[in-house]
Amino acid sequence: MIEVFDTIQFIDEIAEYLATQLGTAVGGASGTIFKFALPENPSDCIAVFGTGGIIRGDNPVKPVDTQVLVRSATIPTGLWKAQEVYNLLDGKVNILATYKTFSDPLAAFVGSYFRDSQNRLIFPLNFRWTLTW
């Protein structure tokens, strides 16, 4: 039974889940999925961040918010990859090893984006996870 929520472990598990599903690795020279940071390279990559939540009190149900940033050099590739990540995380139950989870997107569709300093597109995806233990 889990007694204490570990943000780093939670983000690690989301990143590893995405890497496994997308056939890539987390970080390193060949990885395209990163945790807590969006590096300058590679241009096409994914970053997972913890953004909030309430982890206190006696209630065994805890909401935790995350953001996944999908970066790409082109709109079609970025939209396709963002939709793929959205589909992998939307409404999924117990996909992580340590926590009993249910994920709920905080937007109904994928499509909004902004550009970084190198004019690459970044598609933000926000999820609220319900954790129980």
C-alpha atoms as a PDB file:
ATOM      1  CA  MET A   1       0.000   0.000   0.000  1.00  0.00           C
ATOM      2  CA  ILE A   2       1.294   3.450  -0.918  1.00  0.00           C
ATOM      3  CA  GLU A   3       1.541   5.875   1.956  1.00  0.00           C
ATOM      4  CA  VAL A   4       3.245   8.836   0.308  1.00  0.00           C
ATOM      5  CA  PHE A   5       2.872  10.250  -3.187  1.00  0.00           C
ATOM      6  CA  ASP A   6       6.164  10.527  -5.107  1.00  0.00           C
ATOM      7  CA  THR A   7       5.946  13.105  -7.915  1.00  0.00           C
ATOM      8  CA  ILE A   8       9.186  12.012  -9.563  1.00  0.00           C
ATOM      9  CA  GLN A   9       8.154   8.359  -9.609  1.00  0.00           C
ATOM     10  CA  PHE A  10       4.726   9.306 -11.000  1.00  0.00           C
ATOM     11  CA  ILE A  11       6.237  11.320 -13.875  1.00  0.00           C
ATOM     12  CA  ASP A  12       8.833   8.559 -14.457  1.00  0.00           C
ATOM     13  CA  GLU A  13       6.035   6.038 -14.881  1.00  0.00           C
ATOM     14  CA  ILE A  14       4.087   8.211 -17.321  1.00  0.00           C
ATOM     15  CA  ALA A  15       7.252   8.806 -19.373  1.00  0.00           C
ATOM     16  CA  GLU A  16       8.127   5.090 -19.393  1.00  0.00           C
ATOM     17  CA  TYR A  17       4.568   4.171 -20.383  1.00  0.00           C
ATOM     18  CA  LEU A  18       4.665   6.609 -23.316  1.00  0.00           C
ATOM     19  CA  ALA A  19       8.139   5.415 -24.367  1.00  0.00           C
ATOM     20  CA  THR A  20       6.985   1.788 -24.389  1.00  0.00           C
ATOM     21  CA  GLN A  21       3.797   2.561 -26.323  1.00  0.00           C
ATOM     22  CA  LEU A  22       5.555   4.829 -28.844  1.00  0.00           C
ATOM     23  CA  GLY A  23       8.606   2.605 -29.351  1.00  0.00           C
ATOM     24  CA  THR A  24      11.181   5.100 -28.131  1.00  0.00           C
ATOM     25  CA  ALA A  25      13.261   5.720 -25.013  1.00  0.00           C
ATOM     26  CA  VAL A  26      13.258   8.181 -22.139  1.00  0.00           C
ATOM     27  CA  GLY A  27      16.119  10.674 -22.374  1.00  0.00           C
ATOM     28  CA  GLY A  28      19.634   9.778 -23.393  1.00  0.00           C
ATOM     29  CA  ALA A  29      21.122  10.029 -26.870  1.00  0.00           C
ATOM     30  CA  SER A  30      18.331   8.146 -28.654  1.00  0.00           C
ATOM     31  CA  GLY A  31      15.349   9.021 -26.467  1.00  0.00           C
ATOM     32  CA  THR A  32      12.574  11.347 -27.550  1.00  0.00           C
ATOM     33  CA  ILE A  33      10.681  11.497 -24.249  1.00  0.00           C
ATOM     34  CA  PHE A  34      11.880  13.723 -21.421  1.00  0.00           C
ATOM     35  CA  LYS A  35      10.813  14.455 -17.856  1.00  0.00           C
ATOM     36  CA  PHE A  36      10.480  17.893 -16.254  1.00  0.00           C
ATOM     37  CA  ALA A  37      12.279  19.624 -19.174  1.00  0.00           C
ATOM     38  CA  LEU A  38      12.022  20.198 -22.906  1.00  0.00           C
ATOM     39  CA  PRO A  39      15.613  20.135 -24.246  1.00  0.00           C
ATOM     40  CA  GLU A  40      16.808  22.054 -27.306  1.00  0.00           C
ATOM     41  CA  ASN A  41      17.217  18.793 -29.241  1.00  0.00           C
ATOM     42  CA  PRO A  42      15.756  16.667 -30.729  1.00  0.00           C
ATOM     43  CA  SER A  43      13.248  18.840 -32.559  1.00  0.00           C
ATOM     44  CA  ASP A  44      10.579  16.153 -32.454  1.00  0.00           C
ATOM     45  CA  CYS A  45      10.130  15.117 -28.834  1.00  0.00           C
ATOM     46  CA  ILE A  46       7.777  14.848 -25.874  1.00  0.00           C
ATOM     47  CA  ALA A  47       8.167  16.196 -22.335  1.00  0.00           C
ATOM     48  CA  VAL A  48       6.129  15.249 -19.261  1.00  0.00           C
ATOM     49  CA  PHE A  49       5.624  17.664 -16.349  1.00  0.00           C
ATOM     50  CA  GLY A  50       3.764  17.598 -13.060  1.00  0.00           C
ATOM     51  CA  THR A  51       1.656  20.750 -12.810  1.00  0.00           C
ATOM     52  CA  GLY A  52      -0.435  20.466  -9.665  1.00  0.00           C
ATOM     53  CA  GLY A  53      -2.785  18.514  -7.487  1.00  0.00           C
ATOM     54  CA  ILE A  54      -3.868  17.968  -3.926  1.00  0.00           C
ATOM     55  CA  ILE A  55      -2.006  15.248  -2.091  1.00  0.00           C
ATOM     56  CA  ARG A  56      -2.908  15.617   1.555  1.00  0.00           C
ATOM     57  CA  GLY A  57      -5.556  14.688   4.050  1.00  0.00           C
ATOM     58  CA  ASP A  58      -7.191  11.370   4.737  1.00  0.00           C
ATOM     59  CA  ASN A  59      -9.100  11.051   1.469  1.00  0.00           C
ATOM     60  CA  PRO A  60      -7.658   8.080  -0.487  1.00  0.00           C
ATOM     61  CA  VAL A  61      -8.653   9.705  -3.811  1.00  0.00           C
ATOM     62  CA  LYS A  62      -6.125  12.280  -4.997  1.00  0.00           C
ATOM     63  CA  PRO A  63      -6.295  14.487  -8.122  1.00  0.00           C
ATOM     64  CA  VAL A  64      -2.923  15.125  -9.769  1.00  0.00           C
ATOM     65  CA  ASP A  65      -2.437  17.299 -12.861  1.00  0.00           C
ATOM     66  CA  THR A  66       0.170  16.773 -15.566  1.00  0.00           C
ATOM     67  CA  GLN A  67       1.112  18.434 -18.815  1.00  0.00           C
ATOM     68  CA  VAL A  68       2.621  16.696 -21.808  1.00  0.00           C
ATOM     69  CA  LEU A  69       4.300  18.919 -24.394  1.00  0.00           C
ATOM     70  CA  VAL A  70       4.636  17.476 -27.889  1.00  0.00           C
ATOM     71  CA  ARG A  71       7.140  19.375 -30.054  1.00  0.00           C
ATOM     72  CA  SER A  72       7.494  19.051 -33.811  1.00  0.00           C
ATOM     73  CA  ALA A  73       8.892  20.971 -36.755  1.00  0.00           C
ATOM     74  CA  THR A  74       5.684  20.610 -38.802  1.00  0.00           C
ATOM     75  CA  ILE A  75       1.977  20.952 -38.104  1.00  0.00           C
ATOM     76  CA  PRO A  76       0.920  17.580 -39.598  1.00  0.00           C
ATOM     77  CA  THR A  77       3.581  15.621 -37.689  1.00  0.00           C
ATOM     78  CA  GLY A  78       2.929  17.537 -34.483  1.00  0.00           C
ATOM     79  CA  LEU A  79      -0.831  17.073 -34.659  1.00  0.00           C
ATOM     80  CA  TRP A  80      -0.461  13.374 -35.432  1.00  0.00           C
ATOM     81  CA  LYS A  81       1.961  12.793 -32.529  1.00  0.00           C
ATOM     82  CA  ALA A  82      -0.099  14.932 -30.121  1.00  0.00           C
ATOM     83  CA  GLN A  83      -3.239  12.984 -31.033  1.00  0.00           C
ATOM     84  CA  GLU A  84      -1.366   9.712 -30.540  1.00  0.00           C
ATOM     85  CA  VAL A  85      -0.237  10.779 -27.036  1.00  0.00           C
ATOM     86  CA  TYR A  86      -3.748  12.040 -26.242  1.00  0.00           C
ATOM     87  CA  ASN A  87      -5.219   8.681 -27.270  1.00  0.00           C
ATOM     88  CA  LEU A  88      -2.660   6.806 -25.149  1.00  0.00           C
ATOM     89  CA  LEU A  89      -3.546   8.774 -22.003  1.00  0.00           C
ATOM     90  CA  ASP A  90      -7.226   9.737 -22.420  1.00  0.00           C
ATOM     91  CA  GLY A  91      -9.475   7.922 -19.965  1.00  0.00           C
ATOM     92  CA  LYS A  92      -6.975   5.172 -19.276  1.00  0.00           C
ATOM     93  CA  VAL A  93      -7.310   3.143 -16.095  1.00  0.00           C
ATOM     94  CA  ASN A  94      -4.369   1.682 -14.145  1.00  0.00           C
ATOM     95  CA  ILE A  95      -1.719   2.031 -16.847  1.00  0.00           C
ATOM     96  CA  LEU A  96       1.008   2.806 -14.307  1.00  0.00           C
ATOM     97  CA  ALA A  97       2.821   0.239 -12.178  1.00  0.00           C
ATOM     98  CA  THR A  98       2.705   1.888  -8.756  1.00  0.00           C
ATOM     99  CA  TYR A  99      -0.543   3.852  -8.619  1.00  0.00           C
ATOM    100  CA  LYS A 100      -4.153   2.957  -9.328  1.00  0.00           C
ATOM    101  CA  THR A 101      -5.097   5.667 -11.780  1.00  0.00           C
ATOM    102  CA  PHE A 102      -7.709   7.106 -14.076  1.00  0.00           C
ATOM    103  CA  SER A 103      -6.746   9.889 -16.482  1.00  0.00           C
ATOM    104  CA  ASP A 104      -9.040  12.598 -17.763  1.00  0.00           C
ATOM    105  CA  PRO A 105      -7.987  15.196 -20.339  1.00  0.00           C
ATOM    106  CA  LEU A 106      -8.582  18.814 -19.427  1.00  0.00           C
ATOM    107  CA  ALA A 107      -9.391  19.645 -23.072  1.00  0.00           C
ATOM    108  CA  ALA A 108     -11.761  17.823 -25.398  1.00  0.00           C
ATOM    109  CA  PHE A 109      -9.545  17.976 -28.474  1.00  0.00           C
ATOM    110  CA  VAL A 110      -5.976  18.355 -29.708  1.00  0.00           C
ATOM    111  CA  GLY A 111      -5.132  21.309 -31.878  1.00  0.00           C
ATOM    112  CA  SER A 112      -3.872  24.357 -30.051  1.00  0.00           C
ATOM    113  CA  TYR A 113      -0.148  25.017 -30.222  1.00  0.00           C
ATOM    114  CA  PHE A 114       2.480  27.683 -29.747  1.00  0.00           C
ATOM    115  CA  ARG A 115       5.961  28.121 -31.195  1.00  0.00           C
ATOM    116  CA  ASP A 116       9.321  28.056 -29.474  1.00  0.00           C
ATOM    117  CA  SER A 117      12.298  30.337 -30.186  1.00  0.00           C
ATOM    118  CA  GLN A 118      13.292  28.119 -33.142  1.00  0.00           C
ATOM    119  CA  ASN A 119       9.801  28.311 -34.658  1.00  0.00           C
ATOM    120  CA  ARG A 120       9.021  24.680 -33.803  1.00  0.00           C
ATOM    121  CA  LEU A 121       5.446  23.859 -32.790  1.00  0.00           C
ATOM    122  CA  ILE A 122       4.592  22.800 -29.247  1.00  0.00           C
ATOM    123  CA  PHE A 123       1.247  21.128 -28.583  1.00  0.00           C
ATOM    124  CA  PRO A 124       0.266  21.188 -24.876  1.00  0.00           C
ATOM    125  CA  LEU A 125      -1.856  18.339 -23.505  1.00  0.00           C
ATOM    126  CA  ASN A 126      -3.172  18.613 -19.957  1.00  0.00           C
ATOM    127  CA  PHE A 127      -4.480  15.708 -17.891  1.00  0.00           C
ATOM    128  CA  ARG A 128      -5.987  15.303 -14.465  1.00  0.00           C
ATOM    129  CA  TRP A 129      -5.199  11.938 -12.931  1.00  0.00           C
ATOM    130  CA  THR A 130      -7.311  10.465 -10.170  1.00  0.00           C
ATOM    131  CA  LEU A 131      -5.115   8.341  -7.930  1.00  0.00           C
ATOM    132  CA  THR A 132      -6.305   5.923  -5.320  1.00  0.00           C
ATOM    133  CA  TRP A 133      -4.487   3.776  -2.823  1.00  0.00           C
END
